[in-house]
Every structure is written in C-alpha cells, then in structure tokens.
N, C-alpha and C. Protein backbone atom coordinates (compact mmCIF):
# COMPACT_ATOMS: atom_id res chain seq x y z
N MET A 1 6.44 -13.47 22.34
CA MET A 1 7.87 -13.59 22.06
C MET A 1 8.68 -13.14 23.27
N ILE A 2 9.66 -13.95 23.65
CA ILE A 2 10.52 -13.64 24.78
C ILE A 2 11.86 -13.14 24.25
N LEU A 3 12.28 -11.96 24.70
CA LEU A 3 13.55 -11.42 24.25
C LEU A 3 14.70 -12.07 25.01
N THR A 4 15.70 -12.50 24.28
CA THR A 4 16.90 -13.03 24.90
C THR A 4 17.77 -11.87 25.38
N PRO A 5 18.64 -12.11 26.36
CA PRO A 5 19.54 -11.03 26.80
C PRO A 5 20.36 -10.45 25.65
N GLU A 6 20.78 -11.32 24.73
CA GLU A 6 21.57 -10.86 23.59
C GLU A 6 20.76 -9.91 22.71
N LEU A 7 19.51 -10.28 22.44
CA LEU A 7 18.65 -9.43 21.62
C LEU A 7 18.32 -8.12 22.34
N GLU A 8 18.08 -8.20 23.63
CA GLU A 8 17.83 -6.98 24.41
C GLU A 8 19.03 -6.05 24.35
N ASN A 9 20.22 -6.62 24.38
CA ASN A 9 21.43 -5.81 24.31
C ASN A 9 21.53 -5.08 22.97
N TRP A 10 21.23 -5.78 21.89
CA TRP A 10 21.32 -5.17 20.57
C TRP A 10 20.31 -4.04 20.40
N VAL A 11 19.05 -4.29 20.79
CA VAL A 11 18.03 -3.26 20.58
C VAL A 11 18.22 -2.10 21.57
N GLY A 12 19.04 -2.32 22.58
CA GLY A 12 19.30 -1.26 23.55
C GLY A 12 20.46 -0.35 23.17
N ILE A 13 21.15 -0.67 22.08
CA ILE A 13 22.28 0.16 21.65
C ILE A 13 21.76 1.51 21.16
N GLU A 14 22.32 2.58 21.67
CA GLU A 14 21.91 3.93 21.28
C GLU A 14 23.07 4.61 20.54
N TYR A 15 23.00 4.58 19.23
CA TYR A 15 24.06 5.19 18.44
C TYR A 15 24.10 6.71 18.60
N GLU A 16 22.97 7.28 19.00
CA GLU A 16 22.94 8.73 19.19
C GLU A 16 23.90 9.19 20.28
N ASN A 17 24.30 8.26 21.16
CA ASN A 17 25.22 8.62 22.23
C ASN A 17 26.68 8.59 21.78
N MET A 18 26.93 8.15 20.55
CA MET A 18 28.29 8.15 20.03
C MET A 18 28.74 9.57 19.71
N PRO A 19 30.04 9.81 19.67
CA PRO A 19 30.54 11.11 19.19
C PRO A 19 30.05 11.37 17.77
N ALA A 20 29.73 12.61 17.47
CA ALA A 20 29.19 12.97 16.16
C ALA A 20 30.12 12.55 15.03
N ILE A 21 31.42 12.70 15.22
CA ILE A 21 32.37 12.35 14.17
C ILE A 21 32.33 10.86 13.87
N GLN A 22 32.11 10.04 14.90
CA GLN A 22 32.06 8.60 14.68
C GLN A 22 30.82 8.22 13.88
N LEU A 23 29.70 8.86 14.17
CA LEU A 23 28.48 8.60 13.41
C LEU A 23 28.66 9.03 11.95
N LYS A 24 29.32 10.16 11.75
CA LYS A 24 29.57 10.62 10.38
C LYS A 24 30.48 9.64 9.64
N LEU A 25 31.44 9.06 10.35
CA LEU A 25 32.32 8.07 9.73
C LEU A 25 31.54 6.83 9.29
N LEU A 26 30.62 6.39 10.14
CA LEU A 26 29.80 5.24 9.77
C LEU A 26 28.95 5.54 8.54
N ASP A 27 28.34 6.73 8.52
CA ASP A 27 27.53 7.12 7.37
C ASP A 27 28.38 7.19 6.10
N ALA A 28 29.55 7.79 6.23
CA ALA A 28 30.43 7.94 5.07
C ALA A 28 30.92 6.58 4.59
N ALA A 29 31.23 5.69 5.52
CA ALA A 29 31.70 4.36 5.15
C ALA A 29 30.60 3.57 4.45
N ALA A 30 29.38 3.66 4.96
CA ALA A 30 28.25 2.95 4.33
C ALA A 30 28.09 3.41 2.88
N LYS A 31 28.18 4.71 2.67
CA LYS A 31 28.04 5.24 1.31
C LYS A 31 29.21 4.82 0.43
N ALA A 32 30.41 4.86 0.97
CA ALA A 32 31.60 4.51 0.19
C ALA A 32 31.60 3.03 -0.19
N PHE A 33 31.27 2.16 0.76
CA PHE A 33 31.25 0.73 0.47
C PHE A 33 30.20 0.41 -0.60
N THR A 34 29.08 1.13 -0.57
CA THR A 34 28.04 0.91 -1.57
C THR A 34 28.45 1.47 -2.93
N THR A 35 29.05 2.65 -2.93
CA THR A 35 29.38 3.34 -4.18
C THR A 35 30.59 2.74 -4.88
N TYR A 36 31.64 2.43 -4.11
CA TYR A 36 32.89 2.00 -4.71
C TYR A 36 33.19 0.51 -4.54
N GLY A 37 32.47 -0.15 -3.63
CA GLY A 37 32.83 -1.52 -3.30
C GLY A 37 33.85 -1.55 -2.19
N PHE A 38 33.96 -2.68 -1.53
CA PHE A 38 34.86 -2.77 -0.37
C PHE A 38 36.31 -2.49 -0.74
N SER A 39 36.78 -3.08 -1.84
CA SER A 39 38.21 -2.96 -2.19
C SER A 39 38.60 -1.52 -2.51
N ALA A 40 37.75 -0.82 -3.27
CA ALA A 40 38.10 0.53 -3.72
C ALA A 40 37.79 1.60 -2.68
N ALA A 41 36.99 1.28 -1.70
CA ALA A 41 36.63 2.26 -0.67
C ALA A 41 37.73 2.33 0.38
N SER A 42 38.76 3.09 0.09
CA SER A 42 39.89 3.19 1.00
C SER A 42 39.54 4.08 2.20
N ILE A 43 40.36 4.00 3.22
CA ILE A 43 40.17 4.86 4.39
C ILE A 43 40.26 6.32 3.98
N ASP A 44 41.16 6.64 3.05
CA ASP A 44 41.28 8.02 2.57
C ASP A 44 39.99 8.48 1.91
N VAL A 45 39.40 7.62 1.09
CA VAL A 45 38.15 7.96 0.41
C VAL A 45 37.04 8.22 1.42
N ILE A 46 36.95 7.34 2.41
CA ILE A 46 35.91 7.48 3.43
C ILE A 46 36.10 8.77 4.23
N ALA A 47 37.32 9.00 4.67
CA ALA A 47 37.60 10.20 5.48
C ALA A 47 37.35 11.48 4.70
N SER A 48 37.71 11.47 3.43
CA SER A 48 37.58 12.69 2.62
C SER A 48 36.13 13.10 2.42
N GLN A 49 35.20 12.15 2.51
CA GLN A 49 33.79 12.47 2.31
C GLN A 49 33.25 13.41 3.38
N ILE A 50 33.88 13.39 4.56
CA ILE A 50 33.41 14.25 5.65
C ILE A 50 34.49 15.22 6.11
N GLY A 51 35.53 15.36 5.29
CA GLY A 51 36.59 16.30 5.64
C GLY A 51 37.40 15.88 6.85
N ALA A 52 37.49 14.57 7.09
CA ALA A 52 38.24 14.06 8.24
C ALA A 52 39.61 13.56 7.79
N THR A 53 40.47 13.27 8.74
CA THR A 53 41.78 12.72 8.44
C THR A 53 41.76 11.21 8.61
N LYS A 54 42.72 10.56 7.98
CA LYS A 54 42.84 9.11 8.13
C LYS A 54 43.04 8.75 9.60
N GLY A 55 43.78 9.59 10.32
CA GLY A 55 44.02 9.33 11.73
C GLY A 55 42.75 9.30 12.55
N SER A 56 41.79 10.16 12.20
CA SER A 56 40.53 10.18 12.95
C SER A 56 39.73 8.91 12.74
N VAL A 57 39.88 8.30 11.56
CA VAL A 57 39.21 7.02 11.31
C VAL A 57 39.84 5.94 12.18
N TYR A 58 41.16 5.90 12.17
CA TYR A 58 41.86 4.86 12.94
C TYR A 58 41.73 5.06 14.45
N TYR A 59 41.35 6.25 14.86
CA TYR A 59 41.10 6.48 16.29
C TYR A 59 39.93 5.64 16.77
N TYR A 60 38.94 5.47 15.89
CA TYR A 60 37.73 4.71 16.26
C TYR A 60 37.73 3.28 15.73
N TYR A 61 38.40 3.05 14.61
CA TYR A 61 38.36 1.73 13.99
C TYR A 61 39.76 1.31 13.56
N ARG A 62 40.13 0.10 13.94
CA ARG A 62 41.50 -0.37 13.73
C ARG A 62 41.84 -0.62 12.27
N SER A 63 40.82 -0.93 11.46
CA SER A 63 41.06 -1.27 10.06
C SER A 63 39.80 -1.01 9.25
N LYS A 64 39.94 -1.08 7.93
CA LYS A 64 38.78 -0.91 7.07
C LYS A 64 37.77 -2.04 7.29
N THR A 65 38.28 -3.23 7.55
CA THR A 65 37.38 -4.35 7.82
C THR A 65 36.61 -4.13 9.11
N ASP A 66 37.29 -3.63 10.11
CA ASP A 66 36.64 -3.30 11.38
C ASP A 66 35.52 -2.28 11.15
N LEU A 67 35.79 -1.28 10.33
CA LEU A 67 34.80 -0.26 10.00
C LEU A 67 33.63 -0.87 9.22
N PHE A 68 33.96 -1.76 8.30
CA PHE A 68 32.92 -2.42 7.51
C PHE A 68 31.93 -3.16 8.41
N PHE A 69 32.45 -3.94 9.35
CA PHE A 69 31.57 -4.70 10.23
C PHE A 69 30.82 -3.78 11.20
N ALA A 70 31.40 -2.64 11.52
CA ALA A 70 30.69 -1.67 12.36
C ALA A 70 29.49 -1.10 11.62
N VAL A 71 29.65 -0.85 10.32
CA VAL A 71 28.52 -0.40 9.50
C VAL A 71 27.45 -1.48 9.43
N HIS A 72 27.90 -2.70 9.20
CA HIS A 72 26.97 -3.83 9.13
C HIS A 72 26.19 -3.98 10.44
N LYS A 73 26.90 -3.87 11.55
CA LYS A 73 26.23 -4.01 12.84
C LYS A 73 25.22 -2.90 13.07
N ARG A 74 25.58 -1.67 12.70
CA ARG A 74 24.62 -0.58 12.90
C ARG A 74 23.35 -0.82 12.08
N ALA A 75 23.51 -1.31 10.87
CA ALA A 75 22.34 -1.60 10.03
C ALA A 75 21.47 -2.66 10.68
N MET A 76 22.08 -3.69 11.24
CA MET A 76 21.30 -4.76 11.87
C MET A 76 20.62 -4.25 13.13
N VAL A 77 21.27 -3.35 13.86
CA VAL A 77 20.62 -2.76 15.03
C VAL A 77 19.40 -1.95 14.60
N MET A 78 19.54 -1.18 13.52
CA MET A 78 18.39 -0.44 12.97
C MET A 78 17.23 -1.39 12.69
N ASN A 79 17.55 -2.47 12.02
CA ASN A 79 16.52 -3.42 11.62
C ASN A 79 15.85 -4.08 12.81
N LEU A 80 16.64 -4.52 13.76
CA LEU A 80 16.08 -5.18 14.93
C LEU A 80 15.25 -4.22 15.77
N LYS A 81 15.71 -2.99 15.93
CA LYS A 81 14.94 -2.00 16.68
C LYS A 81 13.57 -1.77 16.03
N THR A 82 13.54 -1.82 14.71
CA THR A 82 12.29 -1.61 13.98
C THR A 82 11.35 -2.79 14.11
N GLN A 83 11.88 -3.99 14.04
CA GLN A 83 11.04 -5.19 13.95
C GLN A 83 10.65 -5.81 15.28
N VAL A 84 11.49 -5.70 16.28
CA VAL A 84 11.19 -6.38 17.56
C VAL A 84 9.86 -5.91 18.16
N PRO A 85 9.55 -4.61 18.17
CA PRO A 85 8.24 -4.21 18.72
C PRO A 85 7.07 -4.86 17.99
N VAL A 86 7.19 -5.03 16.68
CA VAL A 86 6.13 -5.67 15.91
C VAL A 86 6.07 -7.16 16.24
N ALA A 87 7.23 -7.79 16.27
CA ALA A 87 7.29 -9.23 16.57
C ALA A 87 6.72 -9.52 17.96
N CYS A 88 6.83 -8.57 18.87
CA CYS A 88 6.35 -8.77 20.25
C CYS A 88 4.91 -8.30 20.45
N ASP A 89 4.29 -7.77 19.40
CA ASP A 89 2.93 -7.23 19.53
C ASP A 89 1.90 -8.35 19.43
N ASP A 90 1.38 -8.77 20.55
CA ASP A 90 0.42 -9.87 20.57
C ASP A 90 -0.98 -9.47 20.13
N THR A 91 -1.19 -8.19 19.85
CA THR A 91 -2.50 -7.76 19.36
C THR A 91 -2.64 -8.00 17.86
N LEU A 92 -1.53 -8.27 17.18
CA LEU A 92 -1.55 -8.53 15.75
C LEU A 92 -1.66 -10.03 15.48
N ASP A 93 -2.54 -10.42 14.58
CA ASP A 93 -2.56 -11.83 14.19
C ASP A 93 -1.37 -12.08 13.27
N PRO A 94 -0.97 -13.33 13.03
CA PRO A 94 0.25 -13.61 12.27
C PRO A 94 0.29 -12.99 10.89
N GLN A 95 -0.85 -12.97 10.19
CA GLN A 95 -0.86 -12.40 8.85
C GLN A 95 -0.62 -10.90 8.89
N ALA A 96 -1.27 -10.20 9.81
CA ALA A 96 -1.06 -8.77 9.96
C ALA A 96 0.36 -8.47 10.41
N LYS A 97 0.88 -9.32 11.27
CA LYS A 97 2.24 -9.13 11.77
C LYS A 97 3.26 -9.30 10.65
N LEU A 98 3.10 -10.35 9.85
CA LEU A 98 4.04 -10.59 8.76
C LEU A 98 3.97 -9.46 7.73
N TYR A 99 2.76 -8.99 7.44
CA TYR A 99 2.62 -7.87 6.50
C TYR A 99 3.35 -6.65 7.03
N ARG A 100 3.14 -6.34 8.29
CA ARG A 100 3.78 -5.16 8.88
C ARG A 100 5.30 -5.30 8.86
N MET A 101 5.79 -6.47 9.19
CA MET A 101 7.23 -6.69 9.20
C MET A 101 7.82 -6.58 7.80
N ALA A 102 7.12 -7.14 6.82
CA ALA A 102 7.60 -7.06 5.43
C ALA A 102 7.58 -5.62 4.95
N TYR A 103 6.53 -4.90 5.27
CA TYR A 103 6.42 -3.49 4.89
C TYR A 103 7.57 -2.68 5.49
N LEU A 104 7.81 -2.86 6.77
CA LEU A 104 8.88 -2.11 7.45
C LEU A 104 10.25 -2.48 6.90
N HIS A 105 10.43 -3.75 6.58
CA HIS A 105 11.73 -4.17 6.02
C HIS A 105 11.95 -3.51 4.67
N ALA A 106 10.91 -3.49 3.84
CA ALA A 106 11.03 -2.83 2.54
C ALA A 106 11.37 -1.36 2.71
N MET A 107 10.74 -0.69 3.65
CA MET A 107 11.02 0.72 3.89
C MET A 107 12.46 0.91 4.37
N LEU A 108 12.93 0.01 5.22
CA LEU A 108 14.32 0.10 5.69
C LEU A 108 15.29 -0.02 4.52
N MET A 109 14.99 -0.91 3.56
CA MET A 109 15.86 -1.10 2.41
C MET A 109 16.02 0.20 1.62
N MET A 110 14.95 1.00 1.57
CA MET A 110 15.00 2.25 0.81
C MET A 110 15.46 3.44 1.64
N ASP A 111 14.97 3.53 2.87
CA ASP A 111 15.28 4.69 3.71
C ASP A 111 16.73 4.71 4.20
N SER A 112 17.32 3.54 4.37
CA SER A 112 18.73 3.48 4.80
C SER A 112 19.50 2.62 3.80
N LEU A 113 19.39 2.99 2.52
CA LEU A 113 19.89 2.18 1.42
C LEU A 113 21.35 1.81 1.55
N TYR A 114 22.21 2.79 1.87
CA TYR A 114 23.64 2.50 1.91
C TYR A 114 23.96 1.47 2.99
N TYR A 115 23.35 1.61 4.15
CA TYR A 115 23.59 0.64 5.22
C TYR A 115 23.06 -0.74 4.82
N GLN A 116 21.90 -0.76 4.21
CA GLN A 116 21.29 -2.05 3.88
C GLN A 116 22.03 -2.78 2.77
N ARG A 117 22.63 -2.03 1.87
CA ARG A 117 23.46 -2.67 0.84
C ARG A 117 24.62 -3.41 1.49
N VAL A 118 25.16 -2.84 2.54
CA VAL A 118 26.26 -3.51 3.24
C VAL A 118 25.78 -4.80 3.88
N THR A 119 24.58 -4.80 4.47
CA THR A 119 24.10 -6.02 5.12
C THR A 119 23.79 -7.10 4.11
N VAL A 120 23.23 -6.72 2.97
CA VAL A 120 22.84 -7.71 1.96
C VAL A 120 24.06 -8.37 1.34
N GLN A 121 25.09 -7.59 1.08
CA GLN A 121 26.26 -8.12 0.40
C GLN A 121 27.39 -8.49 1.34
N GLY A 122 27.32 -7.98 2.55
CA GLY A 122 28.46 -8.02 3.45
C GLY A 122 29.07 -9.36 3.76
N VAL A 123 28.32 -10.23 4.41
CA VAL A 123 28.91 -11.49 4.88
C VAL A 123 29.37 -12.34 3.70
N GLU A 124 28.55 -12.40 2.64
CA GLU A 124 28.88 -13.24 1.51
C GLU A 124 30.16 -12.78 0.81
N LEU A 125 30.33 -11.45 0.71
CA LEU A 125 31.46 -10.92 -0.02
C LEU A 125 32.74 -10.82 0.80
N HIS A 126 32.60 -10.75 2.12
CA HIS A 126 33.77 -10.39 2.92
C HIS A 126 34.14 -11.39 4.02
N GLN A 127 33.63 -12.60 3.93
CA GLN A 127 34.02 -13.59 4.93
C GLN A 127 35.53 -13.81 4.89
N SER A 128 36.09 -13.82 3.70
CA SER A 128 37.52 -14.10 3.57
C SER A 128 38.39 -12.93 4.02
N VAL A 129 37.78 -11.76 4.22
CA VAL A 129 38.55 -10.59 4.59
C VAL A 129 38.93 -10.62 6.06
N SER A 130 38.08 -11.23 6.90
CA SER A 130 38.35 -11.21 8.34
C SER A 130 39.53 -12.10 8.65
N THR A 131 40.56 -11.52 9.23
CA THR A 131 41.78 -12.27 9.50
C THR A 131 42.17 -12.26 10.96
N THR A 132 41.88 -11.19 11.65
CA THR A 132 42.28 -11.10 13.05
C THR A 132 41.18 -11.71 13.93
N PRO A 133 41.53 -12.10 15.14
CA PRO A 133 40.50 -12.64 16.05
C PRO A 133 39.35 -11.67 16.28
N MET A 134 39.64 -10.37 16.40
CA MET A 134 38.58 -9.40 16.64
C MET A 134 37.67 -9.27 15.43
N GLU A 135 38.27 -9.34 14.24
CA GLU A 135 37.46 -9.27 13.02
C GLU A 135 36.60 -10.51 12.85
N ARG A 136 37.15 -11.65 13.20
CA ARG A 136 36.35 -12.88 13.13
C ARG A 136 35.21 -12.83 14.14
N GLU A 137 35.48 -12.25 15.29
CA GLU A 137 34.43 -12.09 16.30
C GLU A 137 33.33 -11.17 15.80
N ALA A 138 33.73 -10.07 15.14
CA ALA A 138 32.75 -9.13 14.59
C ALA A 138 31.92 -9.79 13.50
N LEU A 139 32.55 -10.60 12.66
CA LEU A 139 31.83 -11.32 11.62
C LEU A 139 30.83 -12.28 12.23
N ALA A 140 31.26 -13.01 13.26
CA ALA A 140 30.36 -13.96 13.91
C ALA A 140 29.15 -13.25 14.51
N GLU A 141 29.37 -12.05 15.06
CA GLU A 141 28.25 -11.33 15.67
C GLU A 141 27.24 -10.90 14.62
N VAL A 142 27.70 -10.33 13.49
CA VAL A 142 26.72 -9.87 12.50
C VAL A 142 26.00 -11.05 11.86
N ILE A 143 26.66 -12.18 11.73
CA ILE A 143 25.98 -13.37 11.21
C ILE A 143 24.89 -13.80 12.18
N THR A 144 25.20 -13.78 13.47
CA THR A 144 24.20 -14.13 14.49
C THR A 144 23.03 -13.16 14.45
N MET A 145 23.32 -11.89 14.31
CA MET A 145 22.26 -10.89 14.24
C MET A 145 21.36 -11.13 13.03
N ARG A 146 21.95 -11.47 11.90
CA ARG A 146 21.17 -11.76 10.71
C ARG A 146 20.29 -12.98 10.93
N ASP A 147 20.83 -13.99 11.58
CA ASP A 147 20.06 -15.21 11.85
C ASP A 147 18.88 -14.92 12.78
N VAL A 148 19.13 -14.11 13.81
CA VAL A 148 18.06 -13.74 14.74
C VAL A 148 16.99 -12.94 14.02
N TYR A 149 17.43 -12.02 13.18
CA TYR A 149 16.48 -11.19 12.43
C TYR A 149 15.61 -12.06 11.53
N GLU A 150 16.22 -12.96 10.80
CA GLU A 150 15.46 -13.88 9.95
C GLU A 150 14.51 -14.71 10.79
N GLY A 151 14.94 -15.06 12.00
CA GLY A 151 14.11 -15.85 12.89
C GLY A 151 12.81 -15.16 13.28
N LEU A 152 12.83 -13.83 13.34
CA LEU A 152 11.61 -13.09 13.64
C LEU A 152 10.56 -13.34 12.55
N PHE A 153 11.00 -13.37 11.31
CA PHE A 153 10.10 -13.63 10.20
C PHE A 153 9.64 -15.09 10.22
N SER A 154 10.56 -16.00 10.52
CA SER A 154 10.20 -17.42 10.59
C SER A 154 9.12 -17.65 11.65
N GLN A 155 9.26 -16.99 12.79
CA GLN A 155 8.27 -17.14 13.86
C GLN A 155 6.90 -16.66 13.42
N ALA A 156 6.86 -15.55 12.70
CA ALA A 156 5.58 -15.03 12.22
C ALA A 156 4.94 -15.99 11.23
N VAL A 157 5.74 -16.55 10.33
CA VAL A 157 5.22 -17.51 9.37
C VAL A 157 4.72 -18.76 10.09
N ARG A 158 5.52 -19.26 11.02
CA ARG A 158 5.15 -20.48 11.75
C ARG A 158 3.84 -20.29 12.49
N ALA A 159 3.67 -19.12 13.11
CA ALA A 159 2.43 -18.84 13.84
C ALA A 159 1.25 -18.81 12.88
N GLY A 160 1.47 -18.26 11.67
CA GLY A 160 0.39 -18.21 10.69
C GLY A 160 0.02 -19.58 10.17
N VAL A 161 1.00 -20.45 10.03
CA VAL A 161 0.72 -21.83 9.61
C VAL A 161 -0.10 -22.54 10.68
N GLU A 162 0.31 -22.36 11.94
CA GLU A 162 -0.40 -23.01 13.05
C GLU A 162 -1.84 -22.53 13.18
N ARG A 163 -2.06 -21.25 12.85
CA ARG A 163 -3.40 -20.69 12.96
C ARG A 163 -4.24 -20.96 11.70
N GLY A 164 -3.62 -21.48 10.68
CA GLY A 164 -4.36 -21.78 9.45
C GLY A 164 -4.44 -20.63 8.48
N GLN A 165 -3.72 -19.55 8.74
CA GLN A 165 -3.73 -18.41 7.82
C GLN A 165 -2.81 -18.64 6.63
N PHE A 166 -1.74 -19.40 6.86
CA PHE A 166 -0.78 -19.67 5.80
C PHE A 166 -0.82 -21.15 5.43
N ALA A 167 -0.38 -21.45 4.22
CA ALA A 167 -0.29 -22.83 3.78
C ALA A 167 0.77 -23.57 4.60
N GLU A 168 0.80 -24.88 4.47
CA GLU A 168 1.77 -25.70 5.21
C GLU A 168 3.14 -25.59 4.56
N VAL A 169 3.78 -24.47 4.81
CA VAL A 169 5.09 -24.21 4.23
C VAL A 169 6.18 -24.39 5.28
N ASP A 170 7.40 -24.55 4.82
CA ASP A 170 8.57 -24.55 5.70
C ASP A 170 8.80 -23.10 6.12
N ALA A 171 8.63 -22.82 7.39
CA ALA A 171 8.69 -21.44 7.87
C ALA A 171 10.05 -20.80 7.61
N SER A 172 11.11 -21.55 7.82
CA SER A 172 12.45 -21.00 7.62
C SER A 172 12.69 -20.69 6.14
N LEU A 173 12.27 -21.59 5.28
CA LEU A 173 12.44 -21.37 3.84
C LEU A 173 11.58 -20.20 3.37
N ALA A 174 10.36 -20.11 3.90
CA ALA A 174 9.48 -18.99 3.53
C ALA A 174 10.09 -17.66 3.95
N ALA A 175 10.67 -17.60 5.14
CA ALA A 175 11.30 -16.37 5.62
C ALA A 175 12.47 -15.98 4.72
N LYS A 176 13.26 -16.97 4.32
CA LYS A 176 14.38 -16.68 3.42
C LYS A 176 13.88 -16.12 2.09
N GLY A 177 12.81 -16.71 1.58
CA GLY A 177 12.27 -16.24 0.31
C GLY A 177 11.72 -14.83 0.41
N ILE A 178 11.00 -14.56 1.48
CA ILE A 178 10.44 -13.22 1.68
C ILE A 178 11.55 -12.18 1.81
N LEU A 179 12.54 -12.47 2.62
CA LEU A 179 13.64 -11.51 2.79
C LEU A 179 14.45 -11.37 1.51
N GLY A 180 14.56 -12.45 0.75
CA GLY A 180 15.27 -12.37 -0.52
C GLY A 180 14.60 -11.40 -1.47
N ILE A 181 13.27 -11.47 -1.56
CA ILE A 181 12.52 -10.55 -2.41
C ILE A 181 12.72 -9.12 -1.94
N LEU A 182 12.59 -8.91 -0.65
CA LEU A 182 12.68 -7.55 -0.11
C LEU A 182 14.11 -7.00 -0.17
N ASN A 183 15.09 -7.85 0.09
CA ASN A 183 16.48 -7.39 0.04
C ASN A 183 16.91 -6.99 -1.37
N TRP A 184 16.26 -7.56 -2.37
CA TRP A 184 16.62 -7.24 -3.75
C TRP A 184 16.34 -5.78 -4.07
N ILE A 185 15.53 -5.14 -3.24
CA ILE A 185 15.29 -3.70 -3.41
C ILE A 185 16.61 -2.93 -3.47
N THR A 186 17.57 -3.37 -2.66
CA THR A 186 18.85 -2.64 -2.61
C THR A 186 19.62 -2.75 -3.92
N VAL A 187 19.26 -3.70 -4.76
CA VAL A 187 19.94 -3.87 -6.04
C VAL A 187 19.35 -2.93 -7.09
N TRP A 188 18.02 -2.82 -7.10
CA TRP A 188 17.40 -2.03 -8.18
C TRP A 188 16.95 -0.63 -7.77
N TYR A 189 16.76 -0.39 -6.48
CA TYR A 189 16.23 0.91 -6.07
C TYR A 189 17.32 1.96 -5.97
N ARG A 190 17.07 3.12 -6.54
CA ARG A 190 17.93 4.29 -6.37
C ARG A 190 17.03 5.51 -6.20
N PRO A 191 17.22 6.30 -5.16
CA PRO A 191 16.39 7.51 -4.99
C PRO A 191 16.63 8.50 -6.12
N ARG A 192 15.56 9.13 -6.56
CA ARG A 192 15.65 10.11 -7.64
C ARG A 192 14.88 11.37 -7.24
N ASP A 193 15.31 12.49 -7.78
CA ASP A 193 14.64 13.76 -7.50
C ASP A 193 13.20 13.75 -8.02
N THR A 194 12.97 12.95 -9.05
CA THR A 194 11.64 12.89 -9.66
C THR A 194 10.72 11.87 -8.98
N GLU A 195 11.22 11.23 -7.93
CA GLU A 195 10.44 10.20 -7.24
C GLU A 195 9.19 10.81 -6.60
N ALA A 196 8.05 10.16 -6.80
CA ALA A 196 6.80 10.64 -6.20
C ALA A 196 6.90 10.56 -4.68
N PRO A 197 6.26 11.46 -3.96
CA PRO A 197 6.36 11.49 -2.49
C PRO A 197 5.97 10.17 -1.83
N ASP A 198 5.03 9.44 -2.43
CA ASP A 198 4.55 8.20 -1.82
C ASP A 198 5.11 6.96 -2.50
N TYR A 199 6.15 7.13 -3.31
CA TYR A 199 6.65 5.99 -4.08
C TYR A 199 7.15 4.87 -3.18
N ARG A 200 7.94 5.20 -2.18
CA ARG A 200 8.50 4.16 -1.31
C ARG A 200 7.39 3.41 -0.58
N GLN A 201 6.39 4.13 -0.13
CA GLN A 201 5.28 3.48 0.57
C GLN A 201 4.53 2.53 -0.37
N ARG A 202 4.36 2.94 -1.63
CA ARG A 202 3.67 2.08 -2.59
C ARG A 202 4.47 0.82 -2.88
N VAL A 203 5.79 0.98 -3.01
CA VAL A 203 6.66 -0.18 -3.20
C VAL A 203 6.56 -1.12 -2.01
N ALA A 204 6.64 -0.57 -0.82
CA ALA A 204 6.60 -1.39 0.39
C ALA A 204 5.27 -2.11 0.53
N ARG A 205 4.17 -1.42 0.23
CA ARG A 205 2.86 -2.06 0.34
C ARG A 205 2.72 -3.20 -0.66
N GLN A 206 3.13 -2.96 -1.89
CA GLN A 206 2.97 -4.01 -2.90
C GLN A 206 3.81 -5.23 -2.56
N LEU A 207 5.07 -5.03 -2.21
CA LEU A 207 5.93 -6.17 -1.92
C LEU A 207 5.52 -6.88 -0.63
N ALA A 208 5.03 -6.13 0.34
CA ALA A 208 4.54 -6.77 1.57
C ALA A 208 3.32 -7.63 1.27
N ASN A 209 2.44 -7.14 0.42
CA ASN A 209 1.27 -7.93 0.02
C ASN A 209 1.71 -9.19 -0.73
N GLN A 210 2.67 -9.05 -1.63
CA GLN A 210 3.16 -10.22 -2.36
C GLN A 210 3.78 -11.24 -1.41
N ALA A 211 4.50 -10.74 -0.42
CA ALA A 211 5.14 -11.65 0.54
C ALA A 211 4.10 -12.43 1.33
N VAL A 212 3.08 -11.74 1.81
CA VAL A 212 2.07 -12.38 2.65
C VAL A 212 1.17 -13.31 1.84
N PHE A 213 0.65 -12.81 0.74
CA PHE A 213 -0.31 -13.61 -0.02
C PHE A 213 0.36 -14.69 -0.85
N GLY A 214 1.68 -14.62 -0.97
CA GLY A 214 2.40 -15.70 -1.62
C GLY A 214 2.36 -16.99 -0.83
N ILE A 215 2.14 -16.88 0.49
CA ILE A 215 2.07 -18.10 1.31
C ILE A 215 0.71 -18.26 1.99
N ALA A 216 -0.23 -17.34 1.67
CA ALA A 216 -1.56 -17.44 2.28
C ALA A 216 -2.25 -18.72 1.86
N ARG A 217 -3.00 -19.30 2.75
CA ARG A 217 -3.65 -20.58 2.48
C ARG A 217 -4.57 -20.49 1.25
N ALA A 218 -5.36 -19.43 1.14
CA ALA A 218 -6.32 -19.34 0.04
C ALA A 218 -5.60 -19.32 -1.30
N SER A 219 -4.49 -18.56 -1.38
CA SER A 219 -3.81 -18.46 -2.67
C SER A 219 -3.11 -19.76 -3.02
N ARG A 220 -2.65 -20.49 -2.01
CA ARG A 220 -1.95 -21.75 -2.29
C ARG A 220 -2.93 -22.84 -2.71
N GLU A 221 -4.15 -22.77 -2.21
CA GLU A 221 -5.11 -23.83 -2.48
C GLU A 221 -5.97 -23.54 -3.70
N ALA A 222 -5.85 -22.33 -4.24
CA ALA A 222 -6.70 -21.96 -5.40
C ALA A 222 -6.29 -22.74 -6.64
C-alpha cells in the first residue's frame, strides 16, 4: 500500500501537541453530542462540563458546527492512525489483515465511544447544518477521510478475493457491510461497572470473525 500525501498528513497529526484546554473541549463536545444530540448540546453545555467559559470555546472554534466537525476529524485521525500500519503490513495475508482491521475497528468503537458515535451519525445527520464555506470545507474533509478509511477495508477484501481466500464479492459493498456491522456497536454498547475485564476483547473477536468468515470462500461455497 502506498500512502498518499493527504493520508500521510492525517496520520501525522499529533493532537497531544494541542493546548490541554482544547483537547478537553474536544472530549467534552464528543460526550455532549453523544449524550444530548447536536441540537441540544449547546456551547454552554459543552463548556460547563469542564468548567470552561463560552468564550474559551469560541477562542478555538468559531461555531458549534465547527466544533462538531473538529470532533469528527479527531475520531477519523484516531481510526486512520490505528489502521494504516495494519493496512501497510505486507507480512499479513489478506484474511489475517482483514481480521485484524475488523478487530481494531470494533475496539475503537468501544474504547472511544463518544468520538465514534459522532463519526457514525455525523455526516448523515448534519450535512444540512454546514452553511459557511469553512464548514462546508470541513464537511468535505471528513467525508473524504471516511471514504479513504473505508477504502482500506475494500483493499483488504479485494486482495483476499484475488488470492482466493474470499468469495467473489464486490469489495466495496463487502467493506460497507463489515463497517456497518461494526459501527452498530456504537448504538448498542454502553460501558458498565459490571463489565467483565475482557468483554470488549471478546466482542471484538467475535465480530471480527463474523466479518471475515462471512465472506470467506469456504463459508460461501458450503
């Protein structure tokens, strides 16, 4: 896999270099958008979660929509940083690669739930919200990031089809189906104090196996 300059730029973003207050704002916004929904998650609500003022939010983000897309972008950067090393690992055969990618995606859905809820619901729910040129540009970027991310899965499926590990499926459609199953985690999963220590890993393993063997040649031909 050859990294494009655009993809290299995304995976090179280091959020740790941001001011601490800005990172806290992103975390608070991700939680607020998930908990209250975009409309009810006001700037006041977001700021109050971390004891900040409305002015401090507007210092970094021009509007709630701007903040929303910033949360979405950070989530996509998390995802790409996680998956690109696997997608570029030529020591993995396509089936092992797809399993690993599906497993990691499932873990991301649970480990960074608030951010991932924004990515799953974001573009579909808020396309009409973007009104300014900068907001439309931000929307276009996160859509592109989502497409590139899905493309990593499509490439793994396509390679598996070519090698005979997977059935003759439409790689793009298979990737959409796999991500759809995994993204649904954000709808039903909620962390609980009673959760077993290995629960997330068990969920990720099972769904990754379902994703891979759902298109495996042997299972399709049985």
